[in-house]
Amino acid sequence: GPLRERAADLARRAGAPLGGDRRSPGLGLTPRETEVLRLVAAGRSNREIAEALFISVKTASVHVSHILGKLGVAGRGEAAAAAHRLRLFD
């Protein structure tokens, strides 16, 4: 219940998956990249992503760059649109 949700949230924020597949099906995204994409799709800046995930702004930028390459899109807006089109997030 609540403890499991808290542990999953903490693991996600720390970039340490709790098990299972380490990549998003069919997209090749790591769990951390998936979390960054969720924040990109929510309109967050790299600075806001860094603060939310306890990482540096440069690391957030690198994750975003990897996401753009893996999704084959040119920018954050296209990445967000792809995430919504694929129904990756609520």
PDB file of N, CA and C in Angstrom:
ATOM      1  N   GLY A   1       0.794  -1.186   0.000  1.00  0.00           N
ATOM      2  CA  GLY A   1       0.000   0.000   0.000  1.00  0.00           C
ATOM      3  C   GLY A   1       0.846   1.264   0.000  1.00  0.00           C
ATOM      4  N   PRO A   2       0.635   2.109   0.973  1.00  0.00           N
ATOM      5  CA  PRO A   2       1.304   3.405   1.018  1.00  0.00           C
ATOM      6  C   PRO A   2       2.829   3.288   1.089  1.00  0.00           C
ATOM      7  N   LEU A   3       3.335   2.327   1.845  1.00  0.00           N
ATOM      8  CA  LEU A   3       4.778   2.150   1.955  1.00  0.00           C
ATOM      9  C   LEU A   3       5.383   1.762   0.609  1.00  0.00           C
ATOM     10  N   ARG A   4       4.719   0.878  -0.115  1.00  0.00           N
ATOM     11  CA  ARG A   4       5.196   0.455  -1.432  1.00  0.00           C
ATOM     12  C   ARG A   4       5.242   1.639  -2.397  1.00  0.00           C
ATOM     13  N   GLU A   5       4.186   2.470  -2.370  1.00  0.00           N
ATOM     14  CA  GLU A   5       4.146   3.655  -3.227  1.00  0.00           C
ATOM     15  C   GLU A   5       5.261   4.623  -2.871  1.00  0.00           C
ATOM     16  N   ARG A   6       5.493   4.817  -1.576  1.00  0.00           N
ATOM     17  CA  ARG A   6       6.566   5.716  -1.122  1.00  0.00           C
ATOM     18  C   ARG A   6       7.924   5.186  -1.553  1.00  0.00           C
ATOM     19  N   ALA A   7       8.137   3.867  -1.404  1.00  0.00           N
ATOM     20  CA  ALA A   7       9.403   3.260  -1.814  1.00  0.00           C
ATOM     21  C   ALA A   7       9.602   3.378  -3.324  1.00  0.00           C
ATOM     22  N   ALA A   8       8.545   3.150  -4.092  1.00  0.00           N
ATOM     23  CA  ALA A   8       8.640   3.268  -5.549  1.00  0.00           C
ATOM     24  C   ALA A   8       8.952   4.703  -5.951  1.00  0.00           C
ATOM     25  N   ASP A   9       8.315   5.676  -5.284  1.00  0.00           N
ATOM     26  CA  ASP A   9       8.582   7.086  -5.577  1.00  0.00           C
ATOM     27  C   ASP A   9      10.025   7.420  -5.246  1.00  0.00           C
ATOM     28  N   LEU A  10      10.509   7.001  -4.109  1.00  0.00           N
ATOM     29  CA  LEU A  10      11.880   7.273  -3.712  1.00  0.00           C
ATOM     30  C   LEU A  10      12.870   6.616  -4.676  1.00  0.00           C
ATOM     31  N   ALA A  11      12.621   5.378  -5.051  1.00  0.00           N
ATOM     32  CA  ALA A  11      13.500   4.685  -5.994  1.00  0.00           C
ATOM     33  C   ALA A  11      13.513   5.385  -7.340  1.00  0.00           C
ATOM     34  N   ARG A  12      12.335   5.817  -7.817  1.00  0.00           N
ATOM     35  CA  ARG A  12      12.241   6.516  -9.097  1.00  0.00           C
ATOM     36  C   ARG A  12      13.023   7.820  -9.045  1.00  0.00           C
ATOM     37  N   ARG A  13      12.870   8.571  -7.957  1.00  0.00           N
ATOM     38  CA  ARG A  13      13.564   9.850  -7.812  1.00  0.00           C
ATOM     39  C   ARG A  13      15.067   9.658  -7.713  1.00  0.00           C
ATOM     40  N   ALA A  14      15.497   8.528  -7.165  1.00  0.00           N
ATOM     41  CA  ALA A  14      16.926   8.250  -7.040  1.00  0.00           C
ATOM     42  C   ALA A  14      17.491   7.591  -8.287  1.00  0.00           C
ATOM     43  N   GLY A  15      16.628   7.239  -9.227  1.00  0.00           N
ATOM     44  CA  GLY A  15      17.092   6.589 -10.448  1.00  0.00           C
ATOM     45  C   GLY A  15      17.448   5.137 -10.246  1.00  0.00           C
ATOM     46  N   ALA A  16      16.873   4.514  -9.224  1.00  0.00           N
ATOM     47  CA  ALA A  16      17.163   3.115  -8.908  1.00  0.00           C
ATOM     48  C   ALA A  16      15.885   2.302  -9.030  1.00  0.00           C
ATOM     49  N   PRO A  17      15.654   1.675 -10.182  1.00  0.00           N
ATOM     50  CA  PRO A  17      14.438   0.894 -10.363  1.00  0.00           C
ATOM     51  C   PRO A  17      14.344  -0.243  -9.352  1.00  0.00           C
ATOM     52  N   LEU A  18      13.121  -0.599  -8.989  1.00  0.00           N
ATOM     53  CA  LEU A  18      12.888  -1.650  -8.001  1.00  0.00           C
ATOM     54  C   LEU A  18      12.855  -3.043  -8.605  1.00  0.00           C
ATOM     55  N   GLY A  19      13.152  -3.179  -9.868  1.00  0.00           N
ATOM     56  CA  GLY A  19      13.157  -4.487 -10.496  1.00  0.00           C
ATOM     57  C   GLY A  19      12.371  -4.473 -11.772  1.00  0.00           C
ATOM     58  N   GLY A  20      12.276  -5.620 -12.404  1.00  0.00           N
ATOM     59  CA  GLY A  20      11.555  -5.690 -13.668  1.00  0.00           C
ATOM     60  C   GLY A  20      12.398  -5.158 -14.806  1.00  0.00           C
ATOM     61  N   ASP A  21      11.746  -4.890 -15.907  1.00  0.00           N
ATOM     62  CA  ASP A  21      12.435  -4.402 -17.098  1.00  0.00           C
ATOM     63  C   ASP A  21      12.993  -3.016 -16.843  1.00  0.00           C
ATOM     64  N   ARG A  22      14.226  -2.780 -17.275  1.00  0.00           N
ATOM     65  CA  ARG A  22      14.880  -1.502 -17.047  1.00  0.00           C
ATOM     66  C   ARG A  22      14.652  -0.520 -18.192  1.00  0.00           C
ATOM     67  N   ARG A  23      13.915  -0.899 -19.216  1.00  0.00           N
ATOM     68  CA  ARG A  23      13.687  -0.002 -20.347  1.00  0.00           C
ATOM     69  C   ARG A  23      12.203   0.058 -20.673  1.00  0.00           C
ATOM     70  N   SER A  24      11.797   1.198 -21.241  1.00  0.00           N
ATOM     71  CA  SER A  24      10.406   1.339 -21.671  1.00  0.00           C
ATOM     72  C   SER A  24      10.177   0.448 -22.879  1.00  0.00           C
ATOM     73  N   PRO A  25       9.085  -0.296 -22.905  1.00  0.00           N
ATOM     74  CA  PRO A  25       8.836  -1.203 -24.018  1.00  0.00           C
ATOM     75  C   PRO A  25       8.822  -0.489 -25.360  1.00  0.00           C
ATOM     76  N   GLY A  26       9.647  -0.967 -26.280  1.00  0.00           N
ATOM     77  CA  GLY A  26       9.631  -0.461 -27.642  1.00  0.00           C
ATOM     78  C   GLY A  26      10.293   0.882 -27.858  1.00  0.00           C
ATOM     79  N   LEU A  27      10.624   1.620 -26.801  1.00  0.00           N
ATOM     80  CA  LEU A  27      11.212   2.940 -26.966  1.00  0.00           C
ATOM     81  C   LEU A  27      12.701   2.958 -26.658  1.00  0.00           C
ATOM     82  N   GLY A  28      13.173   2.026 -25.873  1.00  0.00           N
ATOM     83  CA  GLY A  28      14.580   1.991 -25.517  1.00  0.00           C
ATOM     84  C   GLY A  28      14.970   3.003 -24.470  1.00  0.00           C
ATOM     85  N   LEU A  29      13.984   3.593 -23.772  1.00  0.00           N
ATOM     86  CA  LEU A  29      14.278   4.565 -22.732  1.00  0.00           C
ATOM     87  C   LEU A  29      14.562   3.857 -21.417  1.00  0.00           C
ATOM     88  N   THR A  30      15.554   4.354 -20.687  1.00  0.00           N
ATOM     89  CA  THR A  30      15.814   3.842 -19.350  1.00  0.00           C
ATOM     90  C   THR A  30      14.721   4.364 -18.416  1.00  0.00           C
ATOM     91  N   PRO A  31      14.601   3.778 -17.224  1.00  0.00           N
ATOM     92  CA  PRO A  31      13.623   4.302 -16.273  1.00  0.00           C
ATOM     93  C   PRO A  31      13.837   5.785 -15.964  1.00  0.00           C
ATOM     94  N   ARG A  32      15.085   6.202 -15.839  1.00  0.00           N
ATOM     95  CA  ARG A  32      15.371   7.613 -15.558  1.00  0.00           C
ATOM     96  C   ARG A  32      14.961   8.489 -16.735  1.00  0.00           C
ATOM     97  N   GLU A  33      15.240   8.038 -17.954  1.00  0.00           N
ATOM     98  CA  GLU A  33      14.827   8.804 -19.130  1.00  0.00           C
ATOM     99  C   GLU A  33      13.300   8.892 -19.211  1.00  0.00           C
ATOM    100  N   THR A  34      12.631   7.822 -18.833  1.00  0.00           N
ATOM    101  CA  THR A  34      11.165   7.839 -18.820  1.00  0.00           C
ATOM    102  C   THR A  34      10.658   8.870 -17.822  1.00  0.00           C
ATOM    103  N   GLU A  35      11.282   8.933 -16.657  1.00  0.00           N
ATOM    104  CA  GLU A  35      10.889   9.917 -15.651  1.00  0.00           C
ATOM    105  C   GLU A  35      11.158  11.337 -16.147  1.00  0.00           C
ATOM    106  N   VAL A  36      12.299  11.546 -16.796  1.00  0.00           N
ATOM    107  CA  VAL A  36      12.615  12.866 -17.351  1.00  0.00           C
ATOM    108  C   VAL A  36      11.605  13.222 -18.440  1.00  0.00           C
ATOM    109  N   LEU A  37      11.264  12.266 -19.284  1.00  0.00           N
ATOM    110  CA  LEU A  37      10.282  12.519 -20.340  1.00  0.00           C
ATOM    111  C   LEU A  37       8.932  12.901 -19.740  1.00  0.00           C
ATOM    112  N   ARG A  38       8.550  12.262 -18.644  1.00  0.00           N
ATOM    113  CA  ARG A  38       7.294  12.612 -17.975  1.00  0.00           C
ATOM    114  C   ARG A  38       7.308  14.082 -17.563  1.00  0.00           C
ATOM    115  N   LEU A  39       8.445  14.539 -17.059  1.00  0.00           N
ATOM    116  CA  LEU A  39       8.559  15.939 -16.632  1.00  0.00           C
ATOM    117  C   LEU A  39       8.633  16.890 -17.829  1.00  0.00           C
ATOM    118  N   VAL A  40       9.294  16.464 -18.892  1.00  0.00           N
ATOM    119  CA  VAL A  40       9.320  17.265 -20.122  1.00  0.00           C
ATOM    120  C   VAL A  40       7.899  17.419 -20.648  1.00  0.00           C
ATOM    121  N   ALA A  41       7.154  16.318 -20.662  1.00  0.00           N
ATOM    122  CA  ALA A  41       5.778  16.349 -21.157  1.00  0.00           C
ATOM    123  C   ALA A  41       4.889  17.241 -20.284  1.00  0.00           C
ATOM    124  N   ALA A  42       5.282  17.414 -19.024  1.00  0.00           N
ATOM    125  CA  ALA A  42       4.539  18.287 -18.115  1.00  0.00           C
ATOM    126  C   ALA A  42       4.971  19.744 -18.259  1.00  0.00           C
ATOM    127  N   GLY A  43       5.912  20.001 -19.181  1.00  0.00           N
ATOM    128  CA  GLY A  43       6.343  21.380 -19.442  1.00  0.00           C
ATOM    129  C   GLY A  43       7.445  21.889 -18.546  1.00  0.00           C
ATOM    130  N   ARG A  44       8.137  21.003 -17.869  1.00  0.00           N
ATOM    131  CA  ARG A  44       9.201  21.409 -16.950  1.00  0.00           C
ATOM    132  C   ARG A  44      10.486  21.762 -17.692  1.00  0.00           C
ATOM    133  N   SER A  45      11.204  22.734 -17.182  1.00  0.00           N
ATOM    134  CA  SER A  45      12.510  23.125 -17.723  1.00  0.00           C
ATOM    135  C   SER A  45      13.572  22.162 -17.188  1.00  0.00           C
ATOM    136  N   ASN A  46      14.774  22.215 -17.766  1.00  0.00           N
ATOM    137  CA  ASN A  46      15.857  21.360 -17.269  1.00  0.00           C
ATOM    138  C   ASN A  46      16.159  21.666 -15.809  1.00  0.00           C
ATOM    139  N   ARG A  47      16.108  22.922 -15.412  1.00  0.00           N
ATOM    140  CA  ARG A  47      16.362  23.298 -14.023  1.00  0.00           C
ATOM    141  C   ARG A  47      15.295  22.681 -13.105  1.00  0.00           C
ATOM    142  N   GLU A  48      14.047  22.746 -13.514  1.00  0.00           N
ATOM    143  CA  GLU A  48      12.969  22.163 -12.717  1.00  0.00           C
ATOM    144  C   GLU A  48      13.081  20.643 -12.654  1.00  0.00           C
ATOM    145  N   ILE A  49      13.482  20.030 -13.764  1.00  0.00           N
ATOM    146  CA  ILE A  49      13.682  18.577 -13.794  1.00  0.00           C
ATOM    147  C   ILE A  49      14.806  18.200 -12.837  1.00  0.00           C
ATOM    148  N   ALA A  50      15.900  18.951 -12.885  1.00  0.00           N
ATOM    149  CA  ALA A  50      17.039  18.690 -12.011  1.00  0.00           C
ATOM    150  C   ALA A  50      16.642  18.771 -10.540  1.00  0.00           C
ATOM    151  N   GLU A  51      15.887  19.790 -10.188  1.00  0.00           N
ATOM    152  CA  GLU A  51      15.442  19.945  -8.801  1.00  0.00           C
ATOM    153  C   GLU A  51      14.517  18.809  -8.374  1.00  0.00           C
ATOM    154  N   ALA A  52      13.602  18.420  -9.261  1.00  0.00           N
ATOM    155  CA  ALA A  52      12.642  17.364  -8.921  1.00  0.00           C
ATOM    156  C   ALA A  52      13.313  16.010  -8.745  1.00  0.00           C
ATOM    157  N   LEU A  53      14.372  15.756  -9.521  1.00  0.00           N
ATOM    158  CA  LEU A  53      15.011  14.438  -9.508  1.00  0.00           C
ATOM    159  C   LEU A  53      16.341  14.412  -8.751  1.00  0.00           C
ATOM    160  N   PHE A  54      16.700  15.554  -8.135  1.00  0.00           N
ATOM    161  CA  PHE A  54      17.945  15.637  -7.367  1.00  0.00           C
ATOM    162  C   PHE A  54      19.171  15.306  -8.214  1.00  0.00           C
ATOM    163  N   ILE A  55      19.205  15.886  -9.418  1.00  0.00           N
ATOM    164  CA  ILE A  55      20.343  15.720 -10.319  1.00  0.00           C
ATOM    165  C   ILE A  55      20.791  17.105 -10.759  1.00  0.00           C
ATOM    166  N   SER A  56      21.938  17.188 -11.433  1.00  0.00           N
ATOM    167  CA  SER A  56      22.401  18.489 -11.916  1.00  0.00           C
ATOM    168  C   SER A  56      21.629  18.894 -13.168  1.00  0.00           C
ATOM    169  N   VAL A  57      21.657  20.183 -13.455  1.00  0.00           N
ATOM    170  CA  VAL A  57      21.002  20.687 -14.661  1.00  0.00           C
ATOM    171  C   VAL A  57      21.661  20.075 -15.891  1.00  0.00           C
ATOM    172  N   LYS A  58      22.972  19.900 -15.867  1.00  0.00           N
ATOM    173  CA  LYS A  58      23.688  19.298 -16.997  1.00  0.00           C
ATOM    174  C   LYS A  58      23.239  17.855 -17.205  1.00  0.00           C
ATOM    175  N   THR A  59      23.072  17.102 -16.135  1.00  0.00           N
ATOM    176  CA  THR A  59      22.607  15.722 -16.256  1.00  0.00           C
ATOM    177  C   THR A  59      21.197  15.683 -16.828  1.00  0.00           C
ATOM    178  N   ALA A  60      20.346  16.586 -16.374  1.00  0.00           N
ATOM    179  CA  ALA A  60      18.987  16.663 -16.931  1.00  0.00           C
ATOM    180  C   ALA A  60      19.059  16.945 -18.428  1.00  0.00           C
ATOM    181  N   SER A  61      19.936  17.851 -18.831  1.00  0.00           N
ATOM    182  CA  SER A  61      20.104  18.198 -20.243  1.00  0.00           C
ATOM    183  C   SER A  61      20.565  16.996 -21.061  1.00  0.00           C
ATOM    184  N   VAL A  62      21.479  16.220 -20.513  1.00  0.00           N
ATOM    185  CA  VAL A  62      21.976  15.024 -21.206  1.00  0.00           C
ATOM    186  C   VAL A  62      20.845  14.008 -21.363  1.00  0.00           C
ATOM    187  N   HIS A  63      20.050  13.817 -20.311  1.00  0.00           N
ATOM    188  CA  HIS A  63      18.914  12.901 -20.407  1.00  0.00           C
ATOM    189  C   HIS A  63      17.950  13.357 -21.503  1.00  0.00           C
ATOM    190  N   VAL A  64      17.646  14.652 -21.533  1.00  0.00           N
ATOM    191  CA  VAL A  64      16.729  15.174 -22.552  1.00  0.00           C
ATOM    192  C   VAL A  64      17.308  14.927 -23.946  1.00  0.00           C
ATOM    193  N   SER A  65      18.595  15.171 -24.127  1.00  0.00           N
ATOM    194  CA  SER A  65      19.227  14.924 -25.429  1.00  0.00           C
ATOM    195  C   SER A  65      19.115  13.465 -25.847  1.00  0.00           C
ATOM    196  N   HIS A  66      19.340  12.563 -24.903  1.00  0.00           N
ATOM    197  CA  HIS A  66      19.226  11.129 -25.214  1.00  0.00           C
ATOM    198  C   HIS A  66      17.785  10.766 -25.581  1.00  0.00           C
ATOM    199  N   ILE A  67      16.839  11.338 -24.860  1.00  0.00           N
ATOM    200  CA  ILE A  67      15.423  11.083 -25.146  1.00  0.00           C
ATOM    201  C   ILE A  67      15.073  11.549 -26.551  1.00  0.00           C
ATOM    202  N   LEU A  68      15.491  12.760 -26.906  1.00  0.00           N
ATOM    203  CA  LEU A  68      15.192  13.291 -28.241  1.00  0.00           C
ATOM    204  C   LEU A  68      15.752  12.368 -29.318  1.00  0.00           C
ATOM    205  N   GLY A  69      16.976  11.898 -29.112  1.00  0.00           N
ATOM    206  CA  GLY A  69      17.593  10.994 -30.082  1.00  0.00           C
ATOM    207  C   GLY A  69      16.865   9.664 -30.185  1.00  0.00           C
ATOM    208  N   LYS A  70      16.503   9.094 -29.049  1.00  0.00           N
ATOM    209  CA  LYS A  70      15.826   7.801 -29.056  1.00  0.00           C
ATOM    210  C   LYS A  70      14.431   7.880 -29.656  1.00  0.00           C
ATOM    211  N   LEU A  71      13.755   9.017 -29.436  1.00  0.00           N
ATOM    212  CA  LEU A  71      12.415   9.182 -30.001  1.00  0.00           C
ATOM    213  C   LEU A  71      12.461   9.683 -31.435  1.00  0.00           C
ATOM    214  N   GLY A  72      13.634  10.132 -31.884  1.00  0.00           N
ATOM    215  CA  GLY A  72      13.777  10.639 -33.247  1.00  0.00           C
ATOM    216  C   GLY A  72      13.025  11.939 -33.472  1.00  0.00           C
ATOM    217  N   VAL A  73      13.041  12.808 -32.452  1.00  0.00           N
ATOM    218  CA  VAL A  73      12.351  14.091 -32.556  1.00  0.00           C
ATOM    219  C   VAL A  73      13.359  15.229 -32.429  1.00  0.00           C
ATOM    220  N   ALA A  74      12.931  16.417 -32.880  1.00  0.00           N
ATOM    221  CA  ALA A  74      13.847  17.555 -32.928  1.00  0.00           C
ATOM    222  C   ALA A  74      13.814  18.427 -31.678  1.00  0.00           C
ATOM    223  N   GLY A  75      12.780  18.318 -30.870  1.00  0.00           N
ATOM    224  CA  GLY A  75      12.706  19.207 -29.718  1.00  0.00           C
ATOM    225  C   GLY A  75      11.814  18.676 -28.619  1.00  0.00           C
ATOM    226  N   ARG A  76      11.782  19.438 -27.540  1.00  0.00           N
ATOM    227  CA  ARG A  76      11.011  19.059 -26.352  1.00  0.00           C
ATOM    228  C   ARG A  76       9.516  18.957 -26.649  1.00  0.00           C
ATOM    229  N   GLY A  77       9.018  19.892 -27.453  1.00  0.00           N
ATOM    230  CA  GLY A  77       7.601  19.878 -27.798  1.00  0.00           C
ATOM    231  C   GLY A  77       7.215  18.612 -28.533  1.00  0.00           C
ATOM    232  N   GLU A  78       8.059  18.204 -29.477  1.00  0.00           N
ATOM    233  CA  GLU A  78       7.790  16.962 -30.216  1.00  0.00           C
ATOM    234  C   GLU A  78       7.884  15.757 -29.289  1.00  0.00           C
ATOM    235  N   ALA A  79       8.829  15.783 -28.346  1.00  0.00           N
ATOM    236  CA  ALA A  79       8.968  14.674 -27.399  1.00  0.00           C
ATOM    237  C   ALA A  79       7.721  14.581 -26.521  1.00  0.00           C
ATOM    238  N   ALA A  80       7.240  15.736 -26.056  1.00  0.00           N
ATOM    239  CA  ALA A  80       6.022  15.749 -25.239  1.00  0.00           C
ATOM    240  C   ALA A  80       4.834  15.243 -26.042  1.00  0.00           C
ATOM    241  N   ALA A  81       4.740  15.675 -27.292  1.00  0.00           N
ATOM    242  CA  ALA A  81       3.629  15.220 -28.150  1.00  0.00           C
ATOM    243  C   ALA A  81       3.696  13.711 -28.358  1.00  0.00           C
ATOM    244  N   ALA A  82       4.904  13.190 -28.569  1.00  0.00           N
ATOM    245  CA  ALA A  82       5.072  11.749 -28.756  1.00  0.00           C
ATOM    246  C   ALA A  82       4.658  10.992 -27.495  1.00  0.00           C
ATOM    247  N   ALA A  83       5.050  11.506 -26.328  1.00  0.00           N
ATOM    248  CA  ALA A  83       4.691  10.857 -25.061  1.00  0.00           C
ATOM    249  C   ALA A  83       3.176  10.818 -24.888  1.00  0.00           C
ATOM    250  N   HIS A  84       2.519  11.919 -25.223  1.00  0.00           N
ATOM    251  CA  HIS A  84       1.058  11.959 -25.093  1.00  0.00           C
ATOM    252  C   HIS A  84       0.391  11.048 -26.132  1.00  0.00           C
ATOM    253  N   ARG A  85       0.928  11.064 -27.358  1.00  0.00           N
ATOM    254  CA  ARG A  85       0.367  10.226 -28.429  1.00  0.00           C
ATOM    255  C   ARG A  85       0.476   8.750 -28.071  1.00  0.00           C
ATOM    256  N   LEU A  86       1.605   8.377 -27.453  1.00  0.00           N
ATOM    257  CA  LEU A  86       1.826   6.984 -27.073  1.00  0.00           C
ATOM    258  C   LEU A  86       1.155   6.637 -25.743  1.00  0.00           C
ATOM    259  N   ARG A  87       0.520   7.630 -25.140  1.00  0.00           N
ATOM    260  CA  ARG A  87      -0.161   7.454 -23.842  1.00  0.00           C
ATOM    261  C   ARG A  87       0.772   6.872 -22.788  1.00  0.00           C
ATOM    262  N   LEU A  88       1.984   7.436 -22.714  1.00  0.00           N
ATOM    263  CA  LEU A  88       2.959   6.966 -21.732  1.00  0.00           C
ATOM    264  C   LEU A  88       2.600   7.391 -20.327  1.00  0.00           C
ATOM    265  N   PHE A  89       1.895   8.504 -20.206  1.00  0.00           N
ATOM    266  CA  PHE A  89       1.589   9.063 -18.891  1.00  0.00           C
ATOM    267  C   PHE A  89       0.132   9.460 -18.822  1.00  0.00           C
ATOM    268  N   ASP A  90      -0.387   9.544 -17.598  1.00  0.00           N
ATOM    269  CA  ASP A  90      -1.782   9.959 -17.395  1.00  0.00           C
ATOM    270  C   ASP A  90      -1.961  11.425 -17.725  1.00  0.00           C
TER     271      ASP A  90
END
